[in-house]
């Protein structure tokens, strides 16, 4: 048996810069549905898709985001960025990319005076690019889904 991927295996790259996260999530909502004729399943329809997630970082790495926001003029003016979540244990490898992520602060401060844990900050993000999400180099969306949205 080889080494398995765990949360500790993942490196997170935000816009080309490696950051350490306490936790990270990425959730895809795919609204594809069953098509019906006279109430009987008769194929399917491709529905809308969205993806969003959150990263939780310590103050050390939150300060890097503050610097980016300062350069942009405000947190809301921060440019969209790509995320890459990468894990390689030597036995297993996984690479998940989310494109055109718009950051939004959700939990500005999480400090517990009765704990030895570091202070954390949670940043939500929305995937805004038609490149959407790629899993081990395989796009989630089909070429048909993104026709006329992506350059050939």
N, C-alpha and C. Protein backbone atom coordinates (compact mmCIF):
# COMPACT_ATOMS: atom_id res chain seq x y z
N UNK A 1 0.84 -1.19 0.00
CA UNK A 1 0.00 0.00 0.00
C UNK A 1 0.88 1.24 0.00
N UNK A 2 0.48 2.19 -0.81
CA UNK A 2 1.23 3.43 -0.93
C UNK A 2 0.66 4.53 -0.06
N UNK A 3 1.30 5.66 -0.17
CA UNK A 3 0.90 6.84 0.57
C UNK A 3 -0.35 7.46 -0.06
N UNK A 4 -1.33 7.75 0.76
CA UNK A 4 -2.60 8.32 0.30
C UNK A 4 -2.62 9.83 0.43
N UNK A 5 -3.45 10.47 -0.38
CA UNK A 5 -3.61 11.92 -0.32
C UNK A 5 -4.47 12.29 0.88
N UNK A 6 -4.01 13.25 1.65
CA UNK A 6 -4.77 13.81 2.77
C UNK A 6 -4.81 15.33 2.60
N UNK A 7 -5.50 16.00 3.48
CA UNK A 7 -5.54 17.45 3.46
C UNK A 7 -4.15 18.06 3.57
N UNK A 8 -3.27 17.40 4.30
CA UNK A 8 -1.90 17.90 4.46
C UNK A 8 -1.09 17.77 3.17
N UNK A 9 -1.55 16.95 2.24
CA UNK A 9 -0.83 16.74 0.99
C UNK A 9 -0.95 17.92 0.03
N UNK A 10 -1.99 18.73 0.20
CA UNK A 10 -2.30 19.78 -0.78
C UNK A 10 -1.49 21.04 -0.56
N UNK A 11 -0.93 21.53 -1.66
CA UNK A 11 -0.38 22.88 -1.72
C UNK A 11 -1.42 23.72 -2.45
N UNK A 12 -1.56 24.96 -2.05
CA UNK A 12 -2.53 25.86 -2.67
C UNK A 12 -1.77 27.02 -3.29
N UNK A 13 -2.03 27.22 -4.57
CA UNK A 13 -1.38 28.29 -5.32
C UNK A 13 -2.45 29.28 -5.71
N UNK A 14 -2.30 30.51 -5.27
CA UNK A 14 -3.25 31.57 -5.56
C UNK A 14 -2.57 32.57 -6.47
N UNK A 15 -3.00 32.62 -7.73
CA UNK A 15 -2.44 33.57 -8.67
C UNK A 15 -0.93 33.49 -8.81
N UNK A 16 -0.39 32.30 -8.73
CA UNK A 16 1.05 32.11 -8.89
C UNK A 16 1.85 32.13 -7.60
N UNK A 17 1.19 32.37 -6.47
CA UNK A 17 1.91 32.41 -5.19
C UNK A 17 1.42 31.30 -4.27
N UNK A 18 2.36 30.56 -3.72
CA UNK A 18 2.04 29.47 -2.80
C UNK A 18 1.60 30.05 -1.47
N UNK A 19 0.45 29.60 -0.97
CA UNK A 19 -0.01 30.03 0.35
C UNK A 19 -0.35 28.80 1.17
N UNK A 20 -0.17 28.93 2.46
CA UNK A 20 -0.54 27.85 3.37
C UNK A 20 -1.95 28.12 3.87
N UNK A 21 -2.80 27.13 3.79
CA UNK A 21 -4.17 27.28 4.24
C UNK A 21 -4.44 26.32 5.40
N UNK A 22 -5.34 26.72 6.26
CA UNK A 22 -5.80 25.82 7.33
C UNK A 22 -6.81 24.83 6.75
N UNK A 23 -7.66 25.35 5.84
CA UNK A 23 -8.62 24.48 5.15
C UNK A 23 -9.01 25.13 3.83
N UNK A 24 -9.52 24.30 2.94
CA UNK A 24 -9.96 24.79 1.62
C UNK A 24 -11.12 23.92 1.16
N UNK A 25 -12.07 24.56 0.47
CA UNK A 25 -13.18 23.82 -0.14
C UNK A 25 -13.40 24.34 -1.56
N UNK A 26 -13.96 23.49 -2.40
CA UNK A 26 -14.41 23.86 -3.74
C UNK A 26 -15.62 22.99 -4.04
N UNK A 27 -16.76 23.63 -4.28
CA UNK A 27 -18.01 22.91 -4.52
C UNK A 27 -18.56 23.30 -5.89
N UNK A 28 -18.91 22.29 -6.67
CA UNK A 28 -19.55 22.52 -7.97
C UNK A 28 -21.04 22.23 -7.83
N UNK A 29 -21.85 23.12 -8.36
CA UNK A 29 -23.29 22.88 -8.46
C UNK A 29 -23.62 22.76 -9.94
N UNK A 30 -24.10 21.59 -10.34
CA UNK A 30 -24.44 21.32 -11.73
C UNK A 30 -25.95 21.09 -11.78
N UNK A 31 -26.65 22.01 -12.42
CA UNK A 31 -28.11 21.95 -12.46
C UNK A 31 -28.64 21.17 -13.67
N UNK A 32 -27.86 20.24 -14.20
CA UNK A 32 -28.37 19.37 -15.26
C UNK A 32 -29.55 18.58 -14.69
N UNK A 33 -30.48 18.25 -15.56
CA UNK A 33 -31.70 17.60 -15.08
C UNK A 33 -32.21 16.59 -16.11
N UNK A 34 -33.10 15.77 -15.65
CA UNK A 34 -33.77 14.80 -16.52
C UNK A 34 -34.79 15.54 -17.38
N UNK A 35 -34.80 15.25 -18.67
CA UNK A 35 -35.85 15.75 -19.56
C UNK A 35 -36.99 14.73 -19.52
N UNK A 36 -38.21 15.22 -19.64
CA UNK A 36 -39.35 14.30 -19.57
C UNK A 36 -40.32 14.58 -20.71
N UNK A 37 -40.91 13.52 -21.20
CA UNK A 37 -41.99 13.62 -22.17
C UNK A 37 -43.20 12.93 -21.55
N UNK A 38 -44.29 13.66 -21.41
CA UNK A 38 -45.49 13.13 -20.75
C UNK A 38 -45.17 12.57 -19.37
N UNK A 39 -44.25 13.22 -18.67
CA UNK A 39 -43.91 12.80 -17.31
C UNK A 39 -42.99 11.60 -17.23
N UNK A 40 -42.47 11.14 -18.37
CA UNK A 40 -41.59 9.97 -18.42
C UNK A 40 -40.18 10.44 -18.77
N UNK A 41 -39.16 9.96 -18.05
CA UNK A 41 -37.79 10.35 -18.38
C UNK A 41 -37.49 10.09 -19.85
N UNK A 42 -36.90 11.11 -20.51
CA UNK A 42 -36.62 11.02 -21.94
C UNK A 42 -35.34 11.81 -22.24
N UNK A 43 -34.25 11.39 -21.63
CA UNK A 43 -32.97 12.06 -21.83
C UNK A 43 -32.66 13.05 -20.72
N UNK A 44 -31.85 14.02 -21.06
CA UNK A 44 -31.47 15.01 -20.06
C UNK A 44 -31.20 16.34 -20.74
N UNK A 45 -31.17 17.37 -19.92
CA UNK A 45 -30.81 18.70 -20.39
C UNK A 45 -29.62 19.17 -19.56
N UNK A 46 -28.67 19.81 -20.25
CA UNK A 46 -27.51 20.36 -19.56
C UNK A 46 -27.93 21.65 -18.87
N UNK A 47 -27.79 21.70 -17.58
CA UNK A 47 -28.19 22.87 -16.82
C UNK A 47 -27.04 23.82 -16.56
N UNK A 48 -27.35 24.89 -15.89
CA UNK A 48 -26.33 25.86 -15.51
C UNK A 48 -25.38 25.26 -14.49
N UNK A 49 -24.20 25.82 -14.39
CA UNK A 49 -23.22 25.37 -13.42
C UNK A 49 -22.66 26.57 -12.66
N UNK A 50 -22.31 26.33 -11.42
CA UNK A 50 -21.58 27.31 -10.62
C UNK A 50 -20.56 26.55 -9.80
N UNK A 51 -19.54 27.26 -9.37
CA UNK A 51 -18.56 26.67 -8.45
C UNK A 51 -18.15 27.76 -7.48
N UNK A 52 -17.96 27.35 -6.25
CA UNK A 52 -17.54 28.28 -5.21
C UNK A 52 -16.85 27.51 -4.10
N UNK A 53 -16.14 28.23 -3.29
CA UNK A 53 -15.45 27.59 -2.19
C UNK A 53 -14.98 28.61 -1.18
N UNK A 54 -14.11 28.14 -0.30
CA UNK A 54 -13.57 29.00 0.74
C UNK A 54 -12.18 28.52 1.11
N UNK A 55 -11.34 29.48 1.48
CA UNK A 55 -10.04 29.14 2.06
C UNK A 55 -9.98 29.79 3.43
N UNK A 56 -9.41 29.09 4.36
CA UNK A 56 -9.18 29.64 5.69
C UNK A 56 -7.68 29.70 5.89
N UNK A 57 -7.20 30.89 6.22
CA UNK A 57 -5.77 31.14 6.37
C UNK A 57 -5.48 31.77 7.73
N UNK A 58 -4.23 31.64 8.15
CA UNK A 58 -3.79 32.34 9.36
C UNK A 58 -3.48 33.79 9.00
N UNK A 59 -3.27 34.60 10.02
CA UNK A 59 -3.00 36.02 9.79
C UNK A 59 -1.77 36.24 8.92
N UNK A 60 -0.77 35.37 9.05
CA UNK A 60 0.45 35.51 8.24
C UNK A 60 0.12 35.53 6.76
N UNK A 61 -0.74 34.63 6.30
CA UNK A 61 -1.08 34.56 4.88
C UNK A 61 -2.21 35.52 4.52
N UNK A 62 -3.05 35.87 5.48
CA UNK A 62 -4.07 36.89 5.24
C UNK A 62 -3.40 38.23 4.93
N UNK A 63 -2.28 38.49 5.56
CA UNK A 63 -1.55 39.73 5.30
C UNK A 63 -1.09 39.82 3.84
N UNK A 64 -0.80 38.68 3.21
CA UNK A 64 -0.45 38.69 1.78
C UNK A 64 -1.65 39.15 0.95
N UNK A 65 -2.85 38.72 1.34
CA UNK A 65 -4.05 39.16 0.64
C UNK A 65 -4.30 40.64 0.87
N UNK A 66 -4.01 41.11 2.06
CA UNK A 66 -4.15 42.54 2.35
C UNK A 66 -3.25 43.35 1.41
N UNK A 67 -2.04 42.87 1.19
CA UNK A 67 -1.12 43.56 0.27
C UNK A 67 -1.68 43.61 -1.15
N UNK A 68 -2.29 42.51 -1.60
CA UNK A 68 -2.89 42.48 -2.93
C UNK A 68 -4.05 43.47 -2.99
N UNK A 69 -4.88 43.49 -1.94
CA UNK A 69 -6.01 44.42 -1.89
C UNK A 69 -5.53 45.87 -1.87
N UNK A 70 -4.48 46.13 -1.13
CA UNK A 70 -3.92 47.48 -1.06
C UNK A 70 -3.48 47.93 -2.47
N UNK A 71 -2.80 47.05 -3.20
CA UNK A 71 -2.36 47.37 -4.56
C UNK A 71 -3.54 47.65 -5.48
N UNK A 72 -4.65 46.94 -5.26
CA UNK A 72 -5.84 47.09 -6.10
C UNK A 72 -6.69 48.29 -5.68
N UNK A 73 -6.45 48.82 -4.51
CA UNK A 73 -7.22 49.96 -4.02
C UNK A 73 -8.30 49.59 -3.01
N UNK A 74 -8.72 48.33 -2.99
CA UNK A 74 -9.70 47.85 -2.01
C UNK A 74 -9.83 46.34 -2.16
N UNK A 75 -10.48 45.73 -1.19
CA UNK A 75 -10.71 44.29 -1.29
C UNK A 75 -11.64 43.96 -2.45
N UNK A 76 -12.64 44.78 -2.66
CA UNK A 76 -13.59 44.50 -3.74
C UNK A 76 -12.98 44.71 -5.11
N UNK A 77 -11.91 45.49 -5.18
CA UNK A 77 -11.24 45.72 -6.47
C UNK A 77 -10.15 44.69 -6.76
N UNK A 78 -9.95 43.74 -5.87
CA UNK A 78 -8.92 42.73 -6.11
C UNK A 78 -9.22 42.01 -7.42
N UNK A 79 -8.20 41.80 -8.24
CA UNK A 79 -8.45 41.13 -9.52
C UNK A 79 -8.83 39.66 -9.32
N UNK A 80 -9.59 39.12 -10.28
CA UNK A 80 -9.89 37.69 -10.22
C UNK A 80 -8.56 36.94 -10.36
N UNK A 81 -8.51 35.77 -9.80
CA UNK A 81 -7.28 34.99 -9.79
C UNK A 81 -7.62 33.52 -9.98
N UNK A 82 -6.62 32.75 -10.35
CA UNK A 82 -6.80 31.31 -10.49
C UNK A 82 -6.26 30.61 -9.24
N UNK A 83 -6.92 29.54 -8.86
CA UNK A 83 -6.45 28.68 -7.78
C UNK A 83 -5.98 27.36 -8.37
N UNK A 84 -4.91 26.83 -7.82
CA UNK A 84 -4.49 25.47 -8.15
C UNK A 84 -4.28 24.74 -6.83
N UNK A 85 -4.95 23.63 -6.68
CA UNK A 85 -4.83 22.77 -5.51
C UNK A 85 -4.11 21.51 -5.97
N UNK A 86 -2.93 21.26 -5.43
CA UNK A 86 -2.08 20.18 -5.94
C UNK A 86 -1.58 19.31 -4.79
N UNK A 87 -1.69 18.01 -5.00
CA UNK A 87 -1.18 17.04 -4.03
C UNK A 87 -0.43 15.95 -4.77
N UNK A 88 0.73 15.56 -4.24
CA UNK A 88 1.50 14.47 -4.81
C UNK A 88 2.20 13.77 -3.65
N UNK A 89 1.80 12.53 -3.40
CA UNK A 89 2.41 11.77 -2.31
C UNK A 89 3.53 10.85 -2.81
N UNK A 90 3.75 10.83 -4.11
CA UNK A 90 4.67 9.87 -4.70
C UNK A 90 3.92 8.66 -5.22
N UNK A 91 2.82 8.31 -4.55
CA UNK A 91 1.99 7.19 -4.99
C UNK A 91 0.69 7.68 -5.64
N UNK A 92 0.21 8.83 -5.21
CA UNK A 92 -1.02 9.40 -5.75
C UNK A 92 -0.77 10.87 -6.06
N UNK A 93 -1.49 11.37 -7.06
CA UNK A 93 -1.36 12.76 -7.45
C UNK A 93 -2.73 13.31 -7.81
N UNK A 94 -2.97 14.56 -7.45
CA UNK A 94 -4.23 15.20 -7.81
C UNK A 94 -3.98 16.69 -8.02
N UNK A 95 -4.56 17.21 -9.10
CA UNK A 95 -4.42 18.63 -9.42
C UNK A 95 -5.80 19.16 -9.80
N UNK A 96 -6.30 20.09 -9.01
CA UNK A 96 -7.60 20.70 -9.26
C UNK A 96 -7.37 22.19 -9.46
N UNK A 97 -7.90 22.71 -10.55
CA UNK A 97 -7.74 24.13 -10.86
C UNK A 97 -9.12 24.78 -10.95
N UNK A 98 -9.23 25.98 -10.39
CA UNK A 98 -10.44 26.79 -10.47
C UNK A 98 -10.01 28.12 -11.08
N UNK A 99 -10.71 28.54 -12.13
CA UNK A 99 -10.26 29.69 -12.92
C UNK A 99 -11.13 30.92 -12.71
N UNK A 100 -10.47 32.06 -12.72
CA UNK A 100 -11.18 33.34 -12.61
C UNK A 100 -11.92 33.49 -11.30
N UNK A 101 -11.26 33.21 -10.19
CA UNK A 101 -11.91 33.25 -8.88
C UNK A 101 -11.98 34.67 -8.33
N UNK A 102 -13.18 35.08 -7.96
CA UNK A 102 -13.42 36.38 -7.33
C UNK A 102 -13.48 36.15 -5.83
N UNK A 103 -12.58 36.81 -5.10
CA UNK A 103 -12.49 36.63 -3.65
C UNK A 103 -13.45 37.55 -2.91
N UNK A 104 -14.00 37.04 -1.80
CA UNK A 104 -14.88 37.81 -0.92
C UNK A 104 -14.57 37.38 0.51
N UNK A 105 -14.34 38.32 1.37
CA UNK A 105 -14.11 37.97 2.78
C UNK A 105 -15.43 37.55 3.40
N UNK A 106 -15.42 36.41 4.11
CA UNK A 106 -16.65 35.99 4.79
C UNK A 106 -16.47 36.06 6.31
N UNK A 107 -15.46 35.42 6.85
CA UNK A 107 -15.18 35.49 8.28
C UNK A 107 -13.90 36.29 8.46
N UNK A 108 -14.06 37.58 8.69
CA UNK A 108 -12.91 38.46 8.78
C UNK A 108 -11.99 38.08 9.92
N UNK A 109 -12.55 37.63 11.03
CA UNK A 109 -11.72 37.33 12.19
C UNK A 109 -12.31 36.16 12.96
N UNK A 110 -11.46 35.19 13.28
CA UNK A 110 -11.85 34.08 14.13
C UNK A 110 -10.75 33.92 15.17
N UNK A 111 -10.95 34.53 16.32
CA UNK A 111 -9.95 34.51 17.40
C UNK A 111 -10.62 34.00 18.66
N UNK A 112 -10.00 33.00 19.28
CA UNK A 112 -10.54 32.39 20.49
C UNK A 112 -9.51 32.58 21.61
N UNK A 113 -9.84 33.41 22.57
CA UNK A 113 -8.90 33.72 23.66
C UNK A 113 -8.60 32.51 24.55
N UNK A 114 -9.48 31.50 24.52
CA UNK A 114 -9.26 30.33 25.36
C UNK A 114 -8.52 29.21 24.62
N UNK A 115 -8.02 29.52 23.43
CA UNK A 115 -7.39 28.49 22.60
C UNK A 115 -5.96 28.88 22.26
N UNK A 116 -5.15 27.87 21.98
CA UNK A 116 -3.79 28.10 21.50
C UNK A 116 -3.73 28.15 19.98
N UNK A 117 -4.88 27.97 19.31
CA UNK A 117 -4.91 27.99 17.85
C UNK A 117 -4.61 29.39 17.33
N UNK A 118 -4.00 29.43 16.14
CA UNK A 118 -3.73 30.72 15.51
C UNK A 118 -5.04 31.38 15.09
N UNK A 119 -5.02 32.69 15.03
CA UNK A 119 -6.15 33.45 14.52
C UNK A 119 -6.31 33.15 13.04
N UNK A 120 -7.57 32.97 12.60
CA UNK A 120 -7.81 32.64 11.20
C UNK A 120 -8.77 33.63 10.56
N UNK A 121 -8.76 33.61 9.22
CA UNK A 121 -9.60 34.45 8.39
C UNK A 121 -10.09 33.58 7.24
N UNK A 122 -11.38 33.68 6.91
CA UNK A 122 -11.94 32.87 5.83
C UNK A 122 -12.32 33.75 4.66
N UNK A 123 -11.87 33.34 3.49
CA UNK A 123 -12.14 34.06 2.26
C UNK A 123 -12.93 33.14 1.34
N UNK A 124 -14.14 33.56 1.01
CA UNK A 124 -14.95 32.82 0.04
C UNK A 124 -14.50 33.23 -1.36
N UNK A 125 -14.79 32.38 -2.32
CA UNK A 125 -14.51 32.73 -3.71
C UNK A 125 -15.55 32.11 -4.63
N UNK A 126 -15.77 32.78 -5.76
CA UNK A 126 -16.69 32.31 -6.79
C UNK A 126 -15.88 32.11 -8.07
N UNK A 127 -16.11 31.02 -8.76
CA UNK A 127 -15.45 30.77 -10.03
C UNK A 127 -16.22 31.54 -11.11
N UNK A 128 -15.51 32.45 -11.82
CA UNK A 128 -16.19 33.33 -12.78
C UNK A 128 -15.77 33.13 -14.23
N UNK A 129 -14.81 32.28 -14.50
CA UNK A 129 -14.30 32.10 -15.86
C UNK A 129 -15.00 30.93 -16.56
N UNK A 130 -15.22 31.04 -17.87
CA UNK A 130 -15.76 29.89 -18.61
C UNK A 130 -14.79 28.71 -18.65
N UNK A 131 -13.51 28.96 -18.31
CA UNK A 131 -12.57 27.83 -18.15
C UNK A 131 -13.00 26.97 -16.97
N UNK A 132 -13.70 27.57 -16.02
CA UNK A 132 -14.38 26.94 -14.90
C UNK A 132 -13.43 26.13 -14.02
N UNK A 133 -13.53 24.81 -14.06
CA UNK A 133 -12.76 23.93 -13.19
C UNK A 133 -12.15 22.82 -14.03
N UNK A 134 -10.92 22.47 -13.69
CA UNK A 134 -10.23 21.37 -14.35
C UNK A 134 -9.76 20.39 -13.27
N UNK A 135 -9.96 19.11 -13.53
CA UNK A 135 -9.60 18.06 -12.57
C UNK A 135 -8.58 17.15 -13.22
N UNK A 136 -7.36 17.17 -12.72
CA UNK A 136 -6.25 16.41 -13.31
C UNK A 136 -6.14 16.67 -14.81
N UNK A 137 -6.31 17.94 -15.19
CA UNK A 137 -6.17 18.34 -16.58
C UNK A 137 -7.40 18.12 -17.44
N UNK A 138 -8.46 17.56 -16.87
CA UNK A 138 -9.69 17.31 -17.61
C UNK A 138 -10.70 18.40 -17.24
N UNK A 139 -11.17 19.18 -18.24
CA UNK A 139 -12.13 20.23 -17.92
C UNK A 139 -13.47 19.64 -17.47
N UNK A 140 -14.11 20.32 -16.52
CA UNK A 140 -15.44 19.88 -16.09
C UNK A 140 -16.46 20.13 -17.19
N UNK A 141 -16.37 21.28 -17.84
CA UNK A 141 -17.32 21.63 -18.89
C UNK A 141 -16.85 21.09 -20.24
N UNK A 142 -17.81 20.74 -21.08
CA UNK A 142 -17.49 20.23 -22.42
C UNK A 142 -17.23 21.38 -23.38
N UNK A 143 -16.66 21.06 -24.53
CA UNK A 143 -16.45 22.07 -25.57
C UNK A 143 -17.78 22.65 -26.02
N UNK A 144 -18.83 21.86 -26.01
CA UNK A 144 -20.16 22.36 -26.36
C UNK A 144 -20.64 23.38 -25.33
N UNK A 145 -20.38 23.09 -24.06
CA UNK A 145 -20.78 24.01 -22.99
C UNK A 145 -20.15 25.39 -23.17
N UNK A 146 -18.90 25.40 -23.58
CA UNK A 146 -18.14 26.67 -23.62
C UNK A 146 -17.99 27.24 -25.03
N UNK A 147 -18.71 26.67 -26.00
CA UNK A 147 -18.60 27.19 -27.38
C UNK A 147 -18.94 28.69 -27.37
N UNK A 148 -18.21 29.40 -28.16
CA UNK A 148 -18.37 30.85 -28.30
C UNK A 148 -17.97 31.63 -27.05
N UNK A 149 -17.49 30.96 -26.00
CA UNK A 149 -17.03 31.64 -24.80
C UNK A 149 -15.52 31.62 -24.67
N UNK A 150 -14.90 30.55 -25.17
CA UNK A 150 -13.45 30.39 -25.07
C UNK A 150 -12.84 30.52 -26.46
N UNK A 151 -11.67 31.12 -26.51
CA UNK A 151 -10.94 31.19 -27.78
C UNK A 151 -10.45 29.81 -28.18
N UNK A 152 -10.51 29.51 -29.44
CA UNK A 152 -10.08 28.20 -29.92
C UNK A 152 -8.59 28.08 -29.89
